[in-house]
């Protein structure tokens, strides 16, 4: 019997506003919980690498090693390859693939990493089993995901409350779990085959005027982007007027001098049993 294939639909799409936020991510601001485990010569697989900024950072941290960035959306890899070329990273390659059926041998990597991926897949437990399969005994599987239900902001905003409700309903209708951060350790336990699972948490917090303007504008654009907006309308959850009001709420929040937004994340670092 063949391995599982992806069944979920990626809620965000790959529009310019989405990629803008993904390009902001670095190993330091998105993978700090496990970077101390890296060493020269390591073999690392970065699942769901997107435009490759985290992946390129990882390659620079393992000189003499091998880093592979894997992504389902082939078009996004053009940006990832351009990022690697711009930085002159030579120990880095990219491939198209599905985390439910990784195209690699058992134990091929020392570390397999996934950032903001498991919230978007149809079977996160199967995905973790595949990540474990291609990791050597004693190696590490690392995953970090946000928790949309635990996101918080100030000042109060009925428009952002509506955004949170709509996003979570839409993501679940697409086959994902938007509150994945709180479930990671449980999914790892269900996947099995780990001798140790270390759980941690961290957050992105946007408070400065520059951060608020960037985050608020980006989410206003994402709310009206075709992939997301069309799906919301298809599900009968909201129409163009309601989405426009949510976008306006994001821009209003972005301009609030006292504004802050917190994005909490769950993190797991799992050691593969020998």
Protein backbone atom coordinates (compact mmCIF):
# COMPACT_ATOMS: atom_id res chain seq x y z
CA UNK A 1 0.00 0.00 0.00
CA UNK A 2 1.41 3.42 -0.99
CA UNK A 3 2.10 6.22 1.40
CA UNK A 4 -0.45 8.98 1.95
CA UNK A 5 -0.68 11.98 -0.34
CA UNK A 6 -1.60 15.54 0.56
CA UNK A 7 -5.34 16.18 0.80
CA UNK A 8 -5.44 19.68 2.30
CA UNK A 9 -5.63 22.93 0.35
CA UNK A 10 -3.08 25.61 1.21
CA UNK A 11 -5.23 28.38 2.67
CA UNK A 12 -2.92 31.32 2.00
CA UNK A 13 -1.97 30.82 -1.63
CA UNK A 14 1.32 32.23 -2.85
CA UNK A 15 0.44 35.81 -3.68
CA UNK A 16 2.88 38.67 -3.26
CA UNK A 17 1.69 39.60 0.24
CA UNK A 18 2.10 36.01 1.46
CA UNK A 19 5.59 35.68 0.02
CA UNK A 20 6.51 39.06 1.50
CA UNK A 21 5.76 37.72 4.96
CA UNK A 22 7.56 34.44 4.25
CA UNK A 23 10.70 36.26 3.07
CA UNK A 24 10.83 38.05 6.43
CA UNK A 25 11.46 34.73 8.19
CA UNK A 26 14.96 33.76 9.21
CA UNK A 27 16.47 30.89 11.15
CA UNK A 28 16.99 33.31 14.05
CA UNK A 29 13.39 34.52 14.28
CA UNK A 30 11.72 31.23 13.32
CA UNK A 31 13.97 28.30 14.32
CA UNK A 32 15.99 29.47 17.31
CA UNK A 33 14.70 26.62 19.51
CA UNK A 34 16.88 24.04 17.74
CA UNK A 35 19.75 25.92 16.06
CA UNK A 36 22.13 24.93 18.86
CA UNK A 37 21.88 21.33 17.61
CA UNK A 38 23.45 22.18 14.24
CA UNK A 39 27.07 21.37 13.42
CA UNK A 40 29.27 21.53 10.31
CA UNK A 41 28.77 18.68 7.89
CA UNK A 42 25.19 17.92 8.88
CA UNK A 43 22.50 16.85 6.40
CA UNK A 44 19.31 18.89 6.83
CA UNK A 45 15.91 18.69 5.13
CA UNK A 46 13.74 21.82 5.32
CA UNK A 47 10.16 20.79 4.54
CA UNK A 48 7.86 23.48 3.16
CA UNK A 49 10.77 25.82 2.53
CA UNK A 50 8.81 28.47 0.61
CA UNK A 51 11.07 31.26 -0.73
CA UNK A 52 14.06 29.75 1.06
CA UNK A 53 15.23 32.40 3.51
CA UNK A 54 15.29 30.03 6.49
CA UNK A 55 16.74 27.28 4.30
CA UNK A 56 19.64 29.43 3.15
CA UNK A 57 20.37 30.37 6.77
CA UNK A 58 20.50 26.68 7.70
CA UNK A 59 22.92 25.97 4.83
CA UNK A 60 25.25 28.70 6.08
CA UNK A 61 25.18 27.12 9.56
CA UNK A 62 26.32 23.67 8.34
CA UNK A 63 29.42 24.33 6.20
CA UNK A 64 30.51 21.18 4.42
CA UNK A 65 27.06 19.70 4.90
CA UNK A 66 24.03 19.28 2.69
CA UNK A 67 20.73 21.16 2.97
CA UNK A 68 17.65 20.38 0.91
CA UNK A 69 14.62 22.68 0.70
CA UNK A 70 11.42 20.82 -0.19
CA UNK A 71 8.27 22.58 -1.41
CA UNK A 72 5.01 21.38 -2.99
CA UNK A 73 4.51 24.60 -4.99
CA UNK A 74 7.13 24.41 -7.72
CA UNK A 75 6.77 28.06 -8.69
CA UNK A 76 7.90 29.27 -5.26
CA UNK A 77 11.23 27.50 -5.70
CA UNK A 78 12.28 30.04 -8.32
CA UNK A 79 12.45 32.62 -5.54
CA UNK A 80 14.25 30.15 -3.25
CA UNK A 81 16.90 29.39 -5.86
CA UNK A 82 17.36 33.11 -6.51
CA UNK A 83 17.86 33.69 -2.76
CA UNK A 84 20.51 30.96 -2.58
CA UNK A 85 22.29 32.34 -5.65
CA UNK A 86 22.21 35.90 -4.27
CA UNK A 87 23.87 34.70 -1.07
CA UNK A 88 26.32 32.40 -2.82
CA UNK A 89 25.24 29.33 -0.81
CA UNK A 90 26.70 26.25 -2.50
CA UNK A 91 25.63 23.40 -0.17
CA UNK A 92 21.94 23.93 -0.85
CA UNK A 93 19.50 22.30 -3.28
CA UNK A 94 15.75 22.48 -3.78
CA UNK A 95 13.16 19.91 -4.81
CA UNK A 96 9.41 19.53 -5.29
CA UNK A 97 7.76 17.03 -2.97
CA UNK A 98 5.03 16.12 -0.49
CA UNK A 99 5.75 15.71 3.23
CA UNK A 100 3.37 12.71 3.32
CA UNK A 101 5.58 10.86 0.81
CA UNK A 102 9.12 12.21 1.04
CA UNK A 103 11.32 11.21 -1.91
CA UNK A 104 14.30 10.21 0.27
CA UNK A 105 15.82 7.08 1.76
CA UNK A 106 15.32 5.98 5.34
CA UNK A 107 17.75 7.81 7.62
CA UNK A 108 19.08 10.10 4.90
CA UNK A 109 19.18 13.26 7.07
CA UNK A 110 20.50 14.30 10.47
CA UNK A 111 17.71 16.85 10.97
CA UNK A 112 14.32 17.27 9.31
CA UNK A 113 12.68 20.64 9.95
CA UNK A 114 9.22 22.05 9.17
CA UNK A 115 8.22 25.62 9.93
CA UNK A 116 4.52 26.57 9.66
CA UNK A 117 3.81 23.40 7.69
CA UNK A 118 1.86 20.93 9.84
CA UNK A 119 -1.04 23.37 10.26
CA UNK A 120 -1.65 23.14 6.53
CA UNK A 121 -1.44 19.38 5.90
CA UNK A 122 -4.23 16.83 5.83
CA UNK A 123 -2.53 14.29 8.11
CA UNK A 124 0.08 15.84 10.41
CA UNK A 125 0.71 12.55 12.21
CA UNK A 126 1.54 10.80 8.93
CA UNK A 127 3.72 13.77 8.00
CA UNK A 128 5.70 13.43 11.24
CA UNK A 129 6.13 9.71 10.61
CA UNK A 130 7.59 10.47 7.19
CA UNK A 131 9.86 13.14 8.64
CA UNK A 132 11.02 10.61 11.22
CA UNK A 133 11.54 7.92 8.56
CA UNK A 134 14.06 9.96 6.59
CA UNK A 135 15.92 11.01 9.78
CA UNK A 136 18.78 8.83 11.04
CA UNK A 137 18.51 7.11 14.44
CA UNK A 138 19.54 9.67 17.04
CA UNK A 139 18.76 12.51 14.64
CA UNK A 140 16.20 15.26 15.15
CA UNK A 141 12.77 16.18 13.82
CA UNK A 142 11.89 19.82 14.49
CA UNK A 143 8.52 21.51 13.92
CA UNK A 144 7.13 24.92 14.79
CA UNK A 145 3.57 26.11 14.14
CA UNK A 146 1.49 29.09 15.14
CA UNK A 147 -1.79 28.91 17.06
CA UNK A 148 -4.39 31.15 15.45
CA UNK A 149 -6.89 30.66 18.29
CA UNK A 150 -4.36 32.02 20.80
CA UNK A 151 -3.32 35.09 18.79
CA UNK A 152 -4.02 38.35 20.62
CA UNK A 153 -3.97 42.04 19.87
CA UNK A 154 -4.60 45.48 21.28
CA UNK A 155 -6.54 47.67 20.99
CA UNK A 156 -9.73 45.62 20.82
CA UNK A 157 -11.05 45.22 17.29
CA UNK A 158 -14.33 43.54 16.28
CA UNK A 159 -12.93 43.43 12.73
CA UNK A 160 -9.90 41.38 13.81
CA UNK A 161 -12.15 39.11 15.89
CA UNK A 162 -14.13 38.46 12.71
CA UNK A 163 -10.88 37.85 10.80
CA UNK A 164 -9.75 35.29 13.38
CA UNK A 165 -13.07 33.46 13.25
CA UNK A 166 -13.16 33.43 9.43
CA UNK A 167 -9.57 32.32 9.03
CA UNK A 168 -9.92 29.39 11.43
CA UNK A 169 -13.16 28.20 9.79
CA UNK A 170 -11.68 28.51 6.32
CA UNK A 171 -8.44 26.71 7.22
CA UNK A 172 -10.37 23.80 8.73
CA UNK A 173 -12.66 23.62 5.70
CA UNK A 174 -9.47 23.35 3.62
CA UNK A 175 -8.39 20.31 5.66
CA UNK A 176 -5.84 21.97 7.96
CA UNK A 177 -5.63 22.82 11.67
CA UNK A 178 -5.00 26.53 12.29
CA UNK A 179 -4.37 25.98 16.02
CA UNK A 180 -1.62 23.43 15.27
CA UNK A 181 0.89 24.91 17.71
CA UNK A 182 -1.00 23.50 20.70
CA UNK A 183 -1.22 20.01 19.18
CA UNK A 184 2.36 19.35 18.03
CA UNK A 185 3.50 17.29 21.03
CA UNK A 186 0.37 15.16 20.89
CA UNK A 187 0.84 14.53 17.19
CA UNK A 188 4.47 13.51 17.80
CA UNK A 189 3.38 11.08 20.52
CA UNK A 190 0.83 9.56 18.14
CA UNK A 191 3.41 9.31 15.36
CA UNK A 192 5.68 7.30 17.66
CA UNK A 193 9.29 6.30 17.16
CA UNK A 194 10.78 9.17 19.17
CA UNK A 195 12.77 8.51 22.30
CA UNK A 196 12.41 12.11 23.43
CA UNK A 197 10.08 15.00 22.56
CA UNK A 198 11.08 18.41 23.94
CA UNK A 199 8.25 20.96 23.77
CA UNK A 200 8.72 24.73 23.88
CA UNK A 201 6.98 27.91 22.78
CA UNK A 202 7.91 31.34 21.48
CA UNK A 203 6.14 34.27 19.87
CA UNK A 204 6.40 36.93 17.24
CA UNK A 205 5.30 40.27 18.72
CA UNK A 206 4.68 43.31 16.51
CA UNK A 207 4.70 46.59 18.43
CA UNK A 208 6.73 49.31 16.70
CA UNK A 209 5.17 51.69 14.19
CA UNK A 210 7.13 50.04 11.39
CA UNK A 211 6.12 46.53 12.47
CA UNK A 212 2.46 47.48 12.83
CA UNK A 213 2.35 49.11 9.41
CA UNK A 214 4.00 46.09 7.79
CA UNK A 215 1.90 43.44 9.55
CA UNK A 216 -1.39 45.31 9.21
CA UNK A 217 -0.94 46.14 5.52
CA UNK A 218 0.21 42.62 4.71
CA UNK A 219 -2.82 41.01 6.36
CA UNK A 220 -5.21 43.52 4.80
CA UNK A 221 -3.87 42.47 1.40
CA UNK A 222 -3.98 38.77 2.26
CA UNK A 223 -7.62 39.04 3.32
CA UNK A 224 -8.64 40.24 -0.15
CA UNK A 225 -6.21 38.06 -2.13
CA UNK A 226 -8.02 35.78 -4.61
CA UNK A 227 -7.06 32.35 -3.20
CA UNK A 228 -8.29 33.17 0.29
CA UNK A 229 -11.15 35.53 -0.56
CA UNK A 230 -12.58 33.23 -3.24
CA UNK A 231 -12.54 30.29 -0.82
CA UNK A 232 -14.28 32.30 1.92
CA UNK A 233 -17.01 33.28 -0.53
CA UNK A 234 -17.26 29.72 -1.89
CA UNK A 235 -17.86 28.44 1.64
CA UNK A 236 -20.54 31.08 2.19
CA UNK A 237 -18.71 32.53 5.18
CA UNK A 238 -18.42 36.14 4.03
CA UNK A 239 -18.87 38.32 0.98
CA UNK A 240 -16.70 41.06 -0.56
CA UNK A 241 -18.13 43.79 1.69
CA UNK A 242 -17.34 41.87 4.89
CA UNK A 243 -13.82 41.07 3.67
CA UNK A 244 -13.27 44.73 2.79
CA UNK A 245 -14.33 45.69 6.33
CA UNK A 246 -11.84 43.19 7.77
CA UNK A 247 -9.10 44.63 5.56
CA UNK A 248 -9.97 48.12 6.81
CA UNK A 249 -9.79 46.85 10.40
CA UNK A 250 -6.29 45.53 9.77
CA UNK A 251 -5.17 48.90 8.39
CA UNK A 252 -6.80 50.72 11.30
CA UNK A 253 -4.97 48.45 13.77
CA UNK A 254 -1.70 49.04 11.89
CA UNK A 255 -2.06 52.78 12.46
CA UNK A 256 -2.93 52.57 16.16
CA UNK A 257 -0.07 54.09 18.24
CA UNK A 258 -0.72 51.65 21.11
CA UNK A 259 -1.21 48.65 18.85
CA UNK A 260 0.45 45.28 19.41
CA UNK A 261 -0.10 41.83 17.93
CA UNK A 262 1.19 38.54 19.34
CA UNK A 263 1.58 35.34 17.33
CA UNK A 264 2.28 32.42 19.71
CA UNK A 265 3.96 29.26 18.44
CA UNK A 266 4.31 25.71 19.68
CA UNK A 267 7.64 23.98 19.02
CA UNK A 268 8.77 20.36 19.21
CA UNK A 269 12.25 18.89 18.97
CA UNK A 270 12.04 15.12 18.68
CA UNK A 271 14.96 12.69 18.88
CA UNK A 272 14.53 9.63 16.68
CA UNK A 273 14.81 6.33 18.53
CA UNK A 274 17.85 4.19 17.75
